Amino acid sequence: MEYGLLLDPYIAESDDPHSRFTGLLASGVEKRSPRTQMTAAHLTVMCSDPNVYAGKL
């Protein structure tokens, strides 16, 4: 965490198969600080994601 701040974003995903905002956020966190942990909750839209993508998250 570059600035020592906690993040609690609200990401409104859709069931569009090309909508990947949660994955984009996770990828960005991992690239900036591989030891940083991230929790994503209430991802009900994941039921429409392909299993391969949902498994990566």
Protein backbone atom coordinates (compact mmCIF):
# COMPACT_ATOMS: atom_id res chain seq x y z
CA MET A 1 0.00 0.00 0.00
CA GLU A 2 1.82 3.01 -1.26
CA TYR A 3 -0.11 5.49 0.87
CA GLY A 4 -1.15 3.18 3.72
CA LEU A 5 -4.85 3.51 2.86
CA LEU A 6 -7.53 0.85 2.91
CA LEU A 7 -9.79 0.54 -0.11
CA ASP A 8 -13.45 -0.49 -0.01
CA PRO A 9 -14.72 -0.02 -3.57
CA TYR A 10 -18.18 -0.84 -4.85
CA ILE A 11 -17.92 -2.52 -8.24
CA ALA A 12 -21.18 -2.98 -10.10
CA GLU A 13 -20.41 -5.87 -12.43
CA SER A 14 -22.88 -6.97 -15.04
CA ASP A 15 -23.47 -10.38 -16.55
CA ASP A 16 -21.71 -9.19 -19.72
CA PRO A 17 -19.08 -11.88 -20.41
CA HIS A 18 -16.53 -9.15 -21.18
CA SER A 19 -17.05 -7.29 -17.89
CA ARG A 20 -13.96 -7.98 -15.80
CA PHE A 21 -13.63 -5.09 -13.34
CA THR A 22 -13.13 -7.27 -10.27
CA GLY A 23 -10.39 -9.22 -12.04
CA LEU A 24 -8.80 -5.99 -13.21
CA LEU A 25 -8.73 -4.67 -9.64
CA ALA A 26 -7.24 -7.94 -8.33
CA SER A 27 -4.60 -7.94 -11.07
CA GLY A 28 -3.65 -4.35 -10.30
CA VAL A 29 -3.30 -5.07 -6.58
CA GLU A 30 -1.18 -8.14 -7.30
CA LYS A 31 1.14 -6.24 -9.69
CA ARG A 32 1.68 -3.33 -7.30
CA SER A 33 2.26 -5.41 -4.20
CA PRO A 34 2.28 -9.20 -4.58
CA ARG A 35 2.08 -9.73 -0.78
CA THR A 36 -1.01 -7.55 -0.36
CA GLN A 37 -4.26 -9.36 0.29
CA MET A 38 -7.55 -8.41 -1.31
CA THR A 39 -11.05 -9.53 -0.42
CA ALA A 40 -13.97 -9.23 -2.81
CA ALA A 41 -17.45 -9.87 -1.42
CA HIS A 42 -21.04 -10.08 -2.65
CA LEU A 43 -20.02 -11.19 -6.14
CA THR A 44 -23.40 -12.60 -7.06
CA VAL A 45 -22.80 -11.90 -10.73
CA MET A 46 -20.07 -14.57 -10.70
CA CYS A 47 -22.78 -17.20 -11.20
CA SER A 48 -22.84 -16.13 -14.86
CA ASP A 49 -19.04 -16.09 -15.27
CA PRO A 50 -17.28 -18.94 -17.04
CA ASN A 51 -15.88 -21.43 -14.51
CA VAL A 52 -12.30 -20.83 -15.66
CA TYR A 53 -12.54 -17.09 -14.97
CA ALA A 54 -14.40 -17.48 -11.67
CA GLY A 55 -11.77 -19.97 -10.53
CA LYS A 56 -8.97 -17.48 -11.15
CA LEU A 57 -10.62 -14.89 -8.93
